Amino acid sequence: MFADNVTLVIRDAFPVSPGHTLIIPRRHVGSFFQLTAPERESMFELLTQAKVELDETLQPDGFNIGINDGAAAGQTVPHLHLHLIPRYRGDAPDPRGGVRWVLPAKAKYWSG
């Protein structure tokens, strides 16, 4: 898709929704917390550019943004990458809770 000298932006090979995008640092790091300040700045700048591109091409109704950092958090690729997941009205019966669904038993906090 596009890149700068620090970060790449590509579509996910196994998208959970149309337009699912990955923002990836060029330097190999396993964790978000290993990034340098310039790498974080680049990733967030390209995240914003990717969002604009998705708004223009697919017109999603919202987004989930996430990082699986460490095996306990579900990281299966040992190279940091940020997920930009477009969301569309009706793509889930009840989208409330968003990223809280990574632990389903705790996601529905509003139901008591």
C-alpha atoms as a PDB file:
ATOM      1  CA  MET A   1       0.000   0.000   0.000  1.00  0.00           C
ATOM      2  CA  PHE A   2       2.425   2.689   1.178  1.00  0.00           C
ATOM      3  CA  ALA A   3       5.426   3.263   3.435  1.00  0.00           C
ATOM      4  CA  ASP A   4       8.063   5.624   4.708  1.00  0.00           C
ATOM      5  CA  ASN A   5      11.652   4.847   5.632  1.00  0.00           C
ATOM      6  CA  VAL A   6      10.589   3.508   9.067  1.00  0.00           C
ATOM      7  CA  THR A   7       7.143   1.916   8.638  1.00  0.00           C
ATOM      8  CA  LEU A   8       5.157  -0.175   6.136  1.00  0.00           C
ATOM      9  CA  VAL A   9       1.392  -0.252   5.663  1.00  0.00           C
ATOM     10  CA  ILE A  10      -0.164  -3.364   4.110  1.00  0.00           C
ATOM     11  CA  ARG A  11      -3.482  -5.199   4.052  1.00  0.00           C
ATOM     12  CA  ASP A  12      -3.776  -8.146   6.434  1.00  0.00           C
ATOM     13  CA  ALA A  13      -3.497 -11.518   4.654  1.00  0.00           C
ATOM     14  CA  PHE A  14      -6.278 -12.900   6.888  1.00  0.00           C
ATOM     15  CA  PRO A  15      -8.625  -9.911   7.283  1.00  0.00           C
ATOM     16  CA  VAL A  16     -11.378  -9.896   9.866  1.00  0.00           C
ATOM     17  CA  SER A  17     -13.167  -7.195   7.878  1.00  0.00           C
ATOM     18  CA  PRO A  18     -12.808  -5.555   4.458  1.00  0.00           C
ATOM     19  CA  GLY A  19      -9.813  -3.211   4.555  1.00  0.00           C
ATOM     20  CA  HIS A  20      -8.133  -4.766   7.636  1.00  0.00           C
ATOM     21  CA  THR A  21      -4.733  -3.070   7.564  1.00  0.00           C
ATOM     22  CA  LEU A  22      -1.392  -3.603   9.310  1.00  0.00           C
ATOM     23  CA  ILE A  23       1.071  -0.874  10.275  1.00  0.00           C
ATOM     24  CA  ILE A  24       4.523  -2.474  10.672  1.00  0.00           C
ATOM     25  CA  PRO A  25       7.881  -1.050  11.704  1.00  0.00           C
ATOM     26  CA  ARG A  26      10.714  -1.947   9.315  1.00  0.00           C
ATOM     27  CA  ARG A  27      13.124  -2.625  12.201  1.00  0.00           C
ATOM     28  CA  HIS A  28      12.504  -5.991  13.804  1.00  0.00           C
ATOM     29  CA  VAL A  29      11.003  -5.525  17.256  1.00  0.00           C
ATOM     30  CA  GLY A  30       8.684  -7.904  19.046  1.00  0.00           C
ATOM     31  CA  SER A  31       6.988  -5.395  21.333  1.00  0.00           C
ATOM     32  CA  PHE A  32       5.451  -1.952  21.039  1.00  0.00           C
ATOM     33  CA  PHE A  33       7.471  -1.027  24.104  1.00  0.00           C
ATOM     34  CA  GLN A  34      10.744  -1.596  22.212  1.00  0.00           C
ATOM     35  CA  LEU A  35       9.987   1.128  19.663  1.00  0.00           C
ATOM     36  CA  THR A  36      11.992   4.314  19.562  1.00  0.00           C
ATOM     37  CA  ALA A  37      10.120   7.615  19.719  1.00  0.00           C
ATOM     38  CA  PRO A  38      10.642   8.231  15.963  1.00  0.00           C
ATOM     39  CA  GLU A  39       9.307   4.744  15.177  1.00  0.00           C
ATOM     40  CA  ARG A  40       6.181   5.384  17.282  1.00  0.00           C
ATOM     41  CA  GLU A  41       5.677   8.735  15.558  1.00  0.00           C
ATOM     42  CA  SER A  42       6.018   7.121  12.132  1.00  0.00           C
ATOM     43  CA  MET A  43       3.609   4.304  12.999  1.00  0.00           C
ATOM     44  CA  PHE A  44       0.980   6.745  14.275  1.00  0.00           C
ATOM     45  CA  GLU A  45       1.394   9.043  11.264  1.00  0.00           C
ATOM     46  CA  LEU A  46       0.928   6.123   8.863  1.00  0.00           C
ATOM     47  CA  LEU A  47      -1.985   4.832  10.973  1.00  0.00           C
ATOM     48  CA  THR A  48      -3.675   8.175  10.344  1.00  0.00           C
ATOM     49  CA  GLN A  49      -2.897   8.008   6.611  1.00  0.00           C
ATOM     50  CA  ALA A  50      -4.277   4.450   6.434  1.00  0.00           C
ATOM     51  CA  LYS A  51      -7.475   5.579   8.176  1.00  0.00           C
ATOM     52  CA  VAL A  52      -7.933   8.412   5.658  1.00  0.00           C
ATOM     53  CA  GLU A  53      -7.396   5.987   2.759  1.00  0.00           C
ATOM     54  CA  LEU A  54      -9.965   3.559   4.192  1.00  0.00           C
ATOM     55  CA  ASP A  55     -12.469   6.376   4.739  1.00  0.00           C
ATOM     56  CA  GLU A  56     -12.088   7.379   1.097  1.00  0.00           C
ATOM     57  CA  THR A  57     -12.248   3.882  -0.409  1.00  0.00           C
ATOM     58  CA  LEU A  58     -14.483   1.799   1.885  1.00  0.00           C
ATOM     59  CA  GLN A  59     -16.348   4.330   4.057  1.00  0.00           C
ATOM     60  CA  PRO A  60     -16.344   2.250   7.286  1.00  0.00           C
ATOM     61  CA  ASP A  61     -18.558   3.311  10.175  1.00  0.00           C
ATOM     62  CA  GLY A  62     -15.843   2.901  12.825  1.00  0.00           C
ATOM     63  CA  PHE A  63     -12.516   1.274  13.624  1.00  0.00           C
ATOM     64  CA  ASN A  64     -10.853  -1.021  16.122  1.00  0.00           C
ATOM     65  CA  ILE A  65      -7.141  -0.389  16.633  1.00  0.00           C
ATOM     66  CA  GLY A  66      -5.079  -3.007  18.409  1.00  0.00           C
ATOM     67  CA  ILE A  67      -1.748  -4.626  19.135  1.00  0.00           C
ATOM     68  CA  ASN A  68      -1.239  -8.168  20.414  1.00  0.00           C
ATOM     69  CA  ASP A  69       1.903  -7.686  22.510  1.00  0.00           C
ATOM     70  CA  GLY A  70       3.304 -10.967  23.841  1.00  0.00           C
ATOM     71  CA  ALA A  71       2.143 -14.567  23.624  1.00  0.00           C
ATOM     72  CA  ALA A  72      -0.248 -14.143  26.563  1.00  0.00           C
ATOM     73  CA  ALA A  73      -1.961 -11.373  24.583  1.00  0.00           C
ATOM     74  CA  GLY A  74      -2.351 -13.599  21.534  1.00  0.00           C
ATOM     75  CA  GLN A  75       0.692 -12.463  19.543  1.00  0.00           C
ATOM     76  CA  THR A  76       1.459 -15.184  16.987  1.00  0.00           C
ATOM     77  CA  VAL A  77       3.795 -13.249  14.669  1.00  0.00           C
ATOM     78  CA  PRO A  78       6.913 -12.239  16.644  1.00  0.00           C
ATOM     79  CA  HIS A  79       7.245  -8.906  14.839  1.00  0.00           C
ATOM     80  CA  LEU A  80       5.259  -5.951  16.151  1.00  0.00           C
ATOM     81  CA  HIS A  81       2.344  -4.857  14.012  1.00  0.00           C
ATOM     82  CA  LEU A  82      -0.634  -2.607  14.681  1.00  0.00           C
ATOM     83  CA  HIS A  83      -4.069  -3.661  13.405  1.00  0.00           C
ATOM     84  CA  LEU A  84      -6.429  -1.085  11.937  1.00  0.00           C
ATOM     85  CA  ILE A  85      -9.724  -2.917  11.592  1.00  0.00           C
ATOM     86  CA  PRO A  86     -12.564  -1.127   9.825  1.00  0.00           C
ATOM     87  CA  ARG A  87     -15.986  -1.753  11.325  1.00  0.00           C
ATOM     88  CA  TYR A  88     -19.309  -1.591   9.512  1.00  0.00           C
ATOM     89  CA  ARG A  89     -22.848  -1.239  10.843  1.00  0.00           C
ATOM     90  CA  GLY A  90     -24.290  -4.732  11.132  1.00  0.00           C
ATOM     91  CA  ASP A  91     -20.961  -6.607  11.011  1.00  0.00           C
ATOM     92  CA  ALA A  92     -21.628  -7.895  14.550  1.00  0.00           C
ATOM     93  CA  PRO A  93     -24.975  -8.355  16.315  1.00  0.00           C
ATOM     94  CA  ASP A  94     -23.877  -6.121  19.225  1.00  0.00           C
ATOM     95  CA  PRO A  95     -20.500  -4.416  18.789  1.00  0.00           C
ATOM     96  CA  ARG A  96     -20.533  -2.838  22.267  1.00  0.00           C
ATOM     97  CA  GLY A  97     -17.406  -3.611  24.217  1.00  0.00           C
ATOM     98  CA  GLY A  98     -15.184  -3.664  21.121  1.00  0.00           C
ATOM     99  CA  VAL A  99     -11.687  -4.790  22.070  1.00  0.00           C
ATOM    100  CA  ARG A 100     -12.931  -5.951  25.489  1.00  0.00           C
ATOM    101  CA  TRP A 101     -14.067  -9.142  23.708  1.00  0.00           C
ATOM    102  CA  VAL A 102     -10.495 -10.459  23.817  1.00  0.00           C
ATOM    103  CA  LEU A 103     -11.659 -11.810  27.215  1.00  0.00           C
ATOM    104  CA  PRO A 104     -15.287 -12.746  26.447  1.00  0.00           C
ATOM    105  CA  ALA A 105     -16.287 -13.466  30.052  1.00  0.00           C
ATOM    106  CA  LYS A 106     -15.422  -9.865  30.965  1.00  0.00           C
ATOM    107  CA  ALA A 107     -16.544  -8.079  27.832  1.00  0.00           C
ATOM    108  CA  LYS A 108     -20.198  -7.459  28.626  1.00  0.00           C
ATOM    109  CA  TYR A 109     -19.628  -5.253  31.671  1.00  0.00           C
ATOM    110  CA  TRP A 110     -22.866  -3.287  31.113  1.00  0.00           C
ATOM    111  CA  SER A 111     -25.098  -6.310  31.742  1.00  0.00           C
ATOM    112  CA  GLY A 112     -24.261  -6.576  35.448  1.00  0.00           C
END
